[in-house]
Amino acid sequence: MKKNENKKEEHRRPKCRRCGRYGAVITKYNLYYCRHCFREIAEKMGFKKYS
């Protein structure tokens, strides 16, 4: 393997398991949902919205 290939594998970014986006993915509690998908399904999963 080349050096560049190793670096790419080391710095792999998490991916949303619902839509496949890479940005703003919530990884806490192994959720792996982007913030957009999380807002849509959070109540179904048992999270409450506090205003």
PDB file of N, CA and C in Angstrom:
ATOM      1  N   MET A   1       0.829  -1.194   0.000  1.00  0.00           N
ATOM      2  CA  MET A   1       0.000   0.000   0.000  1.00  0.00           C
ATOM      3  C   MET A   1       0.864   1.245   0.000  1.00  0.00           C
ATOM      4  N   LYS A   2       0.354   2.249  -0.629  1.00  0.00           N
ATOM      5  CA  LYS A   2       1.043   3.536  -0.630  1.00  0.00           C
ATOM      6  C   LYS A   2       0.710   4.302   0.645  1.00  0.00           C
ATOM      7  N   LYS A   3       1.521   5.300   0.943  1.00  0.00           N
ATOM      8  CA  LYS A   3       1.277   6.109   2.139  1.00  0.00           C
ATOM      9  C   LYS A   3      -0.060   6.836   2.069  1.00  0.00           C
ATOM     10  N   ASN A   4      -0.428   7.352   0.921  1.00  0.00           N
ATOM     11  CA  ASN A   4      -1.677   8.106   0.781  1.00  0.00           C
ATOM     12  C   ASN A   4      -2.904   7.230   1.039  1.00  0.00           C
ATOM     13  N   GLU A   5      -2.850   5.986   0.617  1.00  0.00           N
ATOM     14  CA  GLU A   5      -3.983   5.089   0.823  1.00  0.00           C
ATOM     15  C   GLU A   5      -4.202   4.815   2.310  1.00  0.00           C
ATOM     16  N   ASN A   6      -3.117   4.681   3.064  1.00  0.00           N
ATOM     17  CA  ASN A   6      -3.234   4.466   4.505  1.00  0.00           C
ATOM     18  C   ASN A   6      -3.877   5.656   5.199  1.00  0.00           C
ATOM     19  N   LYS A   7      -3.500   6.861   4.814  1.00  0.00           N
ATOM     20  CA  LYS A   7      -4.057   8.062   5.441  1.00  0.00           C
ATOM     21  C   LYS A   7      -5.558   8.156   5.192  1.00  0.00           C
ATOM     22  N   LYS A   8      -6.003   7.811   4.014  1.00  0.00           N
ATOM     23  CA  LYS A   8      -7.427   7.889   3.710  1.00  0.00           C
ATOM     24  C   LYS A   8      -8.223   6.950   4.612  1.00  0.00           C
ATOM     25  N   GLU A   9      -7.694   5.787   4.892  1.00  0.00           N
ATOM     26  CA  GLU A   9      -8.401   4.838   5.740  1.00  0.00           C
ATOM     27  C   GLU A   9      -8.405   5.278   7.195  1.00  0.00           C
ATOM     28  N   GLU A  10      -7.341   5.934   7.634  1.00  0.00           N
ATOM     29  CA  GLU A  10      -7.259   6.387   9.017  1.00  0.00           C
ATOM     30  C   GLU A  10      -8.288   7.460   9.329  1.00  0.00           C
ATOM     31  N   HIS A  11      -8.530   8.371   8.408  1.00  0.00           N
ATOM     32  CA  HIS A  11      -9.380   9.536   8.649  1.00  0.00           C
ATOM     33  C   HIS A  11     -10.745   9.382   7.986  1.00  0.00           C
ATOM     34  N   ARG A  12     -11.328   8.229   8.108  1.00  0.00           N
ATOM     35  CA  ARG A  12     -12.640   7.990   7.510  1.00  0.00           C
ATOM     36  C   ARG A  12     -13.702   8.731   8.312  1.00  0.00           C
ATOM     37  N   ARG A  13     -14.543   9.466   7.617  1.00  0.00           N
ATOM     38  CA  ARG A  13     -15.600  10.245   8.275  1.00  0.00           C
ATOM     39  C   ARG A  13     -16.857   9.405   8.392  1.00  0.00           C
ATOM     40  N   PRO A  14     -17.590   9.573   9.490  1.00  0.00           N
ATOM     41  CA  PRO A  14     -18.827   8.799   9.642  1.00  0.00           C
ATOM     42  C   PRO A  14     -19.884   9.227   8.632  1.00  0.00           C
ATOM     43  N   LYS A  15     -20.718   8.298   8.259  1.00  0.00           N
ATOM     44  CA  LYS A  15     -21.733   8.511   7.234  1.00  0.00           C
ATOM     45  C   LYS A  15     -23.107   8.251   7.834  1.00  0.00           C
ATOM     46  N   CYS A  16     -24.078   9.050   7.451  1.00  0.00           N
ATOM     47  CA  CYS A  16     -25.445   8.859   7.930  1.00  0.00           C
ATOM     48  C   CYS A  16     -25.977   7.531   7.402  1.00  0.00           C
ATOM     49  N   ARG A  17     -26.562   6.739   8.304  1.00  0.00           N
ATOM     50  CA  ARG A  17     -27.055   5.426   7.875  1.00  0.00           C
ATOM     51  C   ARG A  17     -28.395   5.519   7.164  1.00  0.00           C
ATOM     52  N   ARG A  18     -29.024   6.692   7.186  1.00  0.00           N
ATOM     53  CA  ARG A  18     -30.340   6.846   6.551  1.00  0.00           C
ATOM     54  C   ARG A  18     -30.228   7.448   5.156  1.00  0.00           C
ATOM     55  N   CYS A  19     -29.466   8.551   5.019  1.00  0.00           N
ATOM     56  CA  CYS A  19     -29.405   9.239   3.724  1.00  0.00           C
ATOM     57  C   CYS A  19     -28.011   9.214   3.091  1.00  0.00           C
ATOM     58  N   GLY A  20     -26.972   8.902   3.872  1.00  0.00           N
ATOM     59  CA  GLY A  20     -25.632   8.785   3.313  1.00  0.00           C
ATOM     60  C   GLY A  20     -24.788  10.043   3.364  1.00  0.00           C
ATOM     61  N   ARG A  21     -25.260  11.088   4.017  1.00  0.00           N
ATOM     62  CA  ARG A  21     -24.475  12.320   4.119  1.00  0.00           C
ATOM     63  C   ARG A  21     -23.278  12.116   5.031  1.00  0.00           C
ATOM     64  N   TYR A  22     -22.270  12.967   4.818  1.00  0.00           N
ATOM     65  CA  TYR A  22     -21.069  12.903   5.638  1.00  0.00           C
ATOM     66  C   TYR A  22     -21.001  14.029   6.662  1.00  0.00           C
ATOM     67  N   GLY A  23     -21.656  15.149   6.430  1.00  0.00           N
ATOM     68  CA  GLY A  23     -21.532  16.294   7.319  1.00  0.00           C
ATOM     69  C   GLY A  23     -22.499  16.244   8.480  1.00  0.00           C
ATOM     70  N   ALA A  24     -22.077  16.714   9.637  1.00  0.00           N
ATOM     71  CA  ALA A  24     -22.900  16.856  10.846  1.00  0.00           C
ATOM     72  C   ALA A  24     -23.578  15.550  11.239  1.00  0.00           C
ATOM     73  N   VAL A  25     -22.811  14.483  11.347  1.00  0.00           N
ATOM     74  CA  VAL A  25     -23.344  13.183  11.726  1.00  0.00           C
ATOM     75  C   VAL A  25     -23.257  13.023  13.240  1.00  0.00           C
ATOM     76  N   ILE A  26     -24.361  12.624  13.864  1.00  0.00           N
ATOM     77  CA  ILE A  26     -24.421  12.418  15.304  1.00  0.00           C
ATOM     78  C   ILE A  26     -23.985  10.989  15.586  1.00  0.00           C
ATOM     79  N   THR A  27     -22.836  10.863  16.257  1.00  0.00           N
ATOM     80  CA  THR A  27     -22.282   9.535  16.514  1.00  0.00           C
ATOM     81  C   THR A  27     -22.470   9.101  17.955  1.00  0.00           C
ATOM     82  N   LYS A  28     -22.958   9.991  18.806  1.00  0.00           N
ATOM     83  CA  LYS A  28     -23.144   9.638  20.208  1.00  0.00           C
ATOM     84  C   LYS A  28     -24.173   8.512  20.317  1.00  0.00           C
ATOM     85  N   TYR A  29     -23.917   7.573  21.193  1.00  0.00           N
ATOM     86  CA  TYR A  29     -24.747   6.379  21.390  1.00  0.00           C
ATOM     87  C   TYR A  29     -24.839   5.530  20.116  1.00  0.00           C
ATOM     88  N   ASN A  30     -23.841   5.637  19.253  1.00  0.00           N
ATOM     89  CA  ASN A  30     -23.788   4.885  17.986  1.00  0.00           C
ATOM     90  C   ASN A  30     -25.022   5.115  17.116  1.00  0.00           C
ATOM     91  N   LEU A  31     -25.504   6.357  17.064  1.00  0.00           N
ATOM     92  CA  LEU A  31     -26.681   6.667  16.250  1.00  0.00           C
ATOM     93  C   LEU A  31     -26.333   6.713  14.769  1.00  0.00           C
ATOM     94  N   TYR A  32     -25.308   7.454  14.406  1.00  0.00           N
ATOM     95  CA  TYR A  32     -24.867   7.622  13.016  1.00  0.00           C
ATOM     96  C   TYR A  32     -25.983   8.121  12.097  1.00  0.00           C
ATOM     97  N   TYR A  33     -26.654   9.188  12.545  1.00  0.00           N
ATOM     98  CA  TYR A  33     -27.636   9.887  11.722  1.00  0.00           C
ATOM     99  C   TYR A  33     -27.172  11.322  11.563  1.00  0.00           C
ATOM    100  N   CYS A  34     -27.376  11.912  10.386  1.00  0.00           N
ATOM    101  CA  CYS A  34     -27.050  13.328  10.210  1.00  0.00           C
ATOM    102  C   CYS A  34     -28.105  14.148  10.952  1.00  0.00           C
ATOM    103  N   ARG A  35     -27.819  15.408  11.164  1.00  0.00           N
ATOM    104  CA  ARG A  35     -28.734  16.227  11.967  1.00  0.00           C
ATOM    105  C   ARG A  35     -30.092  16.378  11.309  1.00  0.00           C
ATOM    106  N   HIS A  36     -30.146  16.328   9.993  1.00  0.00           N
ATOM    107  CA  HIS A  36     -31.414  16.462   9.275  1.00  0.00           C
ATOM    108  C   HIS A  36     -32.306  15.238   9.522  1.00  0.00           C
ATOM    109  N   CYS A  37     -31.722  14.052   9.362  1.00  0.00           N
ATOM    110  CA  CYS A  37     -32.491  12.824   9.591  1.00  0.00           C
ATOM    111  C   CYS A  37     -32.851  12.680  11.057  1.00  0.00           C
ATOM    112  N   PHE A  38     -31.941  13.072  11.939  1.00  0.00           N
ATOM    113  CA  PHE A  38     -32.198  12.944  13.370  1.00  0.00           C
ATOM    114  C   PHE A  38     -33.407  13.772  13.785  1.00  0.00           C
ATOM    115  N   ARG A  39     -33.532  14.972  13.249  1.00  0.00           N
ATOM    116  CA  ARG A  39     -34.673  15.825  13.591  1.00  0.00           C
ATOM    117  C   ARG A  39     -35.995  15.188  13.160  1.00  0.00           C
ATOM    118  N   GLU A  40     -35.966  14.458  12.050  1.00  0.00           N
ATOM    119  CA  GLU A  40     -37.183  13.838  11.536  1.00  0.00           C
ATOM    120  C   GLU A  40     -37.608  12.610  12.361  1.00  0.00           C
ATOM    121  N   ILE A  41     -36.645  11.851  12.869  1.00  0.00           N
ATOM    122  CA  ILE A  41     -36.985  10.579  13.512  1.00  0.00           C
ATOM    123  C   ILE A  41     -36.730  10.561  15.015  1.00  0.00           C
ATOM    124  N   ALA A  42     -36.310  11.670  15.596  1.00  0.00           N
ATOM    125  CA  ALA A  42     -35.938  11.690  17.019  1.00  0.00           C
ATOM    126  C   ALA A  42     -37.101  11.323  17.926  1.00  0.00           C
ATOM    127  N   GLU A  43     -38.286  11.833  17.677  1.00  0.00           N
ATOM    128  CA  GLU A  43     -39.435  11.541  18.545  1.00  0.00           C
ATOM    129  C   GLU A  43     -39.827  10.067  18.475  1.00  0.00           C
ATOM    130  N   LYS A  44     -39.708   9.464  17.295  1.00  0.00           N
ATOM    131  CA  LYS A  44     -40.028   8.043  17.156  1.00  0.00           C
ATOM    132  C   LYS A  44     -39.054   7.182  17.961  1.00  0.00           C
ATOM    133  N   MET A  45     -37.819   7.693  18.113  1.00  0.00           N
ATOM    134  CA  MET A  45     -36.798   6.952  18.845  1.00  0.00           C
ATOM    135  C   MET A  45     -36.879   7.189  20.356  1.00  0.00           C
ATOM    136  N   GLY A  46     -37.717   8.132  20.782  1.00  0.00           N
ATOM    137  CA  GLY A  46     -37.901   8.369  22.197  1.00  0.00           C
ATOM    138  C   GLY A  46     -37.245   9.620  22.742  1.00  0.00           C
ATOM    139  N   PHE A  47     -36.653  10.430  21.885  1.00  0.00           N
ATOM    140  CA  PHE A  47     -36.052  11.693  22.324  1.00  0.00           C
ATOM    141  C   PHE A  47     -37.139  12.748  22.434  1.00  0.00           C
ATOM    142  N   LYS A  48     -37.021  13.622  23.438  1.00  0.00           N
ATOM    143  CA  LYS A  48     -37.996  14.699  23.623  1.00  0.00           C
ATOM    144  C   LYS A  48     -37.361  16.013  23.242  1.00  0.00           C
ATOM    145  N   LYS A  49     -38.160  16.902  22.659  1.00  0.00           N
ATOM    146  CA  LYS A  49     -37.682  18.227  22.278  1.00  0.00           C
ATOM    147  C   LYS A  49     -38.012  19.205  23.396  1.00  0.00           C
ATOM    148  N   TYR A  50     -36.984  19.870  23.904  1.00  0.00           N
ATOM    149  CA  TYR A  50     -37.168  20.882  24.939  1.00  0.00           C
ATOM    150  C   TYR A  50     -37.036  22.248  24.300  1.00  0.00           C
ATOM    151  N   SER A  51     -38.004  23.123  24.572  1.00  0.00           N
ATOM    152  CA  SER A  51     -37.952  24.460  23.955  1.00  0.00           C
ATOM    153  C   SER A  51     -37.674  25.547  24.959  1.00  0.00           C
TER     154      SER A  51
END
